[in-house]
């Protein structure tokens, strides 16, 4: 039968090499990059909307001050009219 390995009944058994394939997962790096980008965008969005919110609050304060100014003008006009009425009656 010679030097070659043999199986049963004089048949040769096929040689099957054991090969292990190791693949590195690149998906976790992509997921990490996407999460990092999403976090950066969320922070940028927060700061942009927060700045606008501050602008809106400043606008509200300005409008309130304008309303107080308008109210003071109305009261001043009313006082002037009342004074004029009193002068004209006497």
C-alpha atoms as a PDB file:
ATOM      1  CA  UNK A   1       0.000   0.000   0.000  1.00  0.00           C
ATOM      2  CA  UNK A   2       2.898   2.392   0.010  1.00  0.00           C
ATOM      3  CA  UNK A   3       3.572   5.642   1.763  1.00  0.00           C
ATOM      4  CA  UNK A   4       0.251   7.321   0.976  1.00  0.00           C
ATOM      5  CA  UNK A   5      -2.348   7.313   3.728  1.00  0.00           C
ATOM      6  CA  UNK A   6      -5.111   4.957   3.072  1.00  0.00           C
ATOM      7  CA  UNK A   7      -8.630   4.644   4.291  1.00  0.00           C
ATOM      8  CA  UNK A   8     -10.848   1.612   4.392  1.00  0.00           C
ATOM      9  CA  UNK A   9     -10.914  -0.903   1.658  1.00  0.00           C
ATOM     10  CA  UNK A  10      -7.848   0.475  -0.031  1.00  0.00           C
ATOM     11  CA  UNK A  11      -9.380   3.910  -0.785  1.00  0.00           C
ATOM     12  CA  UNK A  12      -7.400   7.012  -0.094  1.00  0.00           C
ATOM     13  CA  UNK A  13      -8.980   9.551   2.268  1.00  0.00           C
ATOM     14  CA  UNK A  14      -9.123  13.096   0.934  1.00  0.00           C
ATOM     15  CA  UNK A  15      -6.734  15.506   2.565  1.00  0.00           C
ATOM     16  CA  UNK A  16      -8.603  18.417   4.129  1.00  0.00           C
ATOM     17  CA  UNK A  17      -6.420  21.191   5.396  1.00  0.00           C
ATOM     18  CA  UNK A  18      -7.673  23.106   8.411  1.00  0.00           C
ATOM     19  CA  UNK A  19      -7.765  26.775   7.497  1.00  0.00           C
ATOM     20  CA  UNK A  20      -9.042  29.411   9.885  1.00  0.00           C
ATOM     21  CA  UNK A  21     -10.054  32.722   8.392  1.00  0.00           C
ATOM     22  CA  UNK A  22      -9.930  35.647  10.772  1.00  0.00           C
ATOM     23  CA  UNK A  23     -11.716  38.774   9.657  1.00  0.00           C
ATOM     24  CA  UNK A  24     -11.602  41.950  11.596  1.00  0.00           C
ATOM     25  CA  UNK A  25     -14.917  43.635  12.067  1.00  0.00           C
ATOM     26  CA  UNK A  26     -14.811  47.099  10.605  1.00  0.00           C
ATOM     27  CA  UNK A  27     -18.455  47.722  11.391  1.00  0.00           C
ATOM     28  CA  UNK A  28     -17.776  48.805  14.963  1.00  0.00           C
ATOM     29  CA  UNK A  29     -15.458  51.587  13.747  1.00  0.00           C
ATOM     30  CA  UNK A  30     -18.106  52.849  11.361  1.00  0.00           C
ATOM     31  CA  UNK A  31     -20.740  52.804  14.098  1.00  0.00           C
ATOM     32  CA  UNK A  32     -18.399  54.705  16.429  1.00  0.00           C
ATOM     33  CA  UNK A  33     -17.734  57.321  13.729  1.00  0.00           C
ATOM     34  CA  UNK A  34     -21.464  57.764  13.052  1.00  0.00           C
ATOM     35  CA  UNK A  35     -22.216  58.147  16.750  1.00  0.00           C
ATOM     36  CA  UNK A  36     -19.407  60.708  17.104  1.00  0.00           C
ATOM     37  CA  UNK A  37     -20.706  62.706  14.117  1.00  0.00           C
ATOM     38  CA  UNK A  38     -24.264  62.589  15.469  1.00  0.00           C
ATOM     39  CA  UNK A  39     -23.042  63.830  18.860  1.00  0.00           C
ATOM     40  CA  UNK A  40     -21.126  66.708  17.286  1.00  0.00           C
ATOM     41  CA  UNK A  41     -24.169  67.695  15.213  1.00  0.00           C
ATOM     42  CA  UNK A  42     -26.436  67.539  18.275  1.00  0.00           C
ATOM     43  CA  UNK A  43     -24.103  69.795  20.261  1.00  0.00           C
ATOM     44  CA  UNK A  44     -23.851  72.251  17.365  1.00  0.00           C
ATOM     45  CA  UNK A  45     -27.645  72.298  17.010  1.00  0.00           C
ATOM     46  CA  UNK A  46     -28.024  72.939  20.744  1.00  0.00           C
ATOM     47  CA  UNK A  47     -25.664  75.909  20.655  1.00  0.00           C
ATOM     48  CA  UNK A  48     -27.271  77.360  17.544  1.00  0.00           C
ATOM     49  CA  UNK A  49     -30.805  77.124  18.948  1.00  0.00           C
ATOM     50  CA  UNK A  50     -29.651  78.361  22.357  1.00  0.00           C
ATOM     51  CA  UNK A  51     -28.180  81.463  20.705  1.00  0.00           C
ATOM     52  CA  UNK A  52     -31.455  82.057  18.893  1.00  0.00           C
ATOM     53  CA  UNK A  53     -33.338  81.538  22.143  1.00  0.00           C
ATOM     54  CA  UNK A  54     -31.167  84.214  23.731  1.00  0.00           C
ATOM     55  CA  UNK A  55     -31.910  86.506  20.815  1.00  0.00           C
ATOM     56  CA  UNK A  56     -35.629  85.849  21.231  1.00  0.00           C
ATOM     57  CA  UNK A  57     -35.408  86.626  24.940  1.00  0.00           C
ATOM     58  CA  UNK A  58     -33.556  89.857  24.179  1.00  0.00           C
ATOM     59  CA  UNK A  59     -36.253  90.729  21.628  1.00  0.00           C
ATOM     60  CA  UNK A  60     -38.955  90.084  24.238  1.00  0.00           C
ATOM     61  CA  UNK A  61     -37.185  92.332  26.743  1.00  0.00           C
ATOM     62  CA  UNK A  62     -36.822  95.031  24.096  1.00  0.00           C
ATOM     63  CA  UNK A  63     -40.513  94.742  23.221  1.00  0.00           C
ATOM     64  CA  UNK A  64     -41.464  94.913  26.896  1.00  0.00           C
ATOM     65  CA  UNK A  65     -39.328  98.022  27.346  1.00  0.00           C
ATOM     66  CA  UNK A  66     -40.958  99.512  24.261  1.00  0.00           C
ATOM     67  CA  UNK A  67     -44.376  98.738  25.719  1.00  0.00           C
ATOM     68  CA  UNK A  68     -43.435 100.423  28.997  1.00  0.00           C
ATOM     69  CA  UNK A  69     -42.201 103.419  27.041  1.00  0.00           C
ATOM     70  CA  UNK A  70     -45.449 103.557  25.069  1.00  0.00           C
ATOM     71  CA  UNK A  71     -47.480 103.262  28.290  1.00  0.00           C
ATOM     72  CA  UNK A  72     -45.457 106.077  29.875  1.00  0.00           C
ATOM     73  CA  UNK A  73     -46.140 108.251  26.815  1.00  0.00           C
ATOM     74  CA  UNK A  74     -49.883 107.511  27.078  1.00  0.00           C
ATOM     75  CA  UNK A  75     -49.877 108.382  30.800  1.00  0.00           C
ATOM     76  CA  UNK A  76     -47.894 111.539  30.048  1.00  0.00           C
ATOM     77  CA  UNK A  77     -50.380 112.546  27.372  1.00  0.00           C
ATOM     78  CA  UNK A  78     -53.271 111.877  29.752  1.00  0.00           C
ATOM     79  CA  UNK A  79     -51.623 113.993  32.457  1.00  0.00           C
ATOM     80  CA  UNK A  80     -50.956 116.784  29.962  1.00  0.00           C
ATOM     81  CA  UNK A  81     -54.566 116.673  28.766  1.00  0.00           C
ATOM     82  CA  UNK A  82     -55.830 116.731  32.351  1.00  0.00           C
ATOM     83  CA  UNK A  83     -53.581 119.697  33.159  1.00  0.00           C
ATOM     84  CA  UNK A  84     -54.748 121.537  30.042  1.00  0.00           C
ATOM     85  CA  UNK A  85     -58.364 120.866  30.977  1.00  0.00           C
ATOM     86  CA  UNK A  86     -57.811 122.218  34.489  1.00  0.00           C
ATOM     87  CA  UNK A  87     -56.101 125.373  33.117  1.00  0.00           C
ATOM     88  CA  UNK A  88     -58.880 126.020  30.670  1.00  0.00           C
ATOM     89  CA  UNK A  89     -61.622 125.589  33.292  1.00  0.00           C
ATOM     90  CA  UNK A  90     -60.086 128.174  35.664  1.00  0.00           C
END
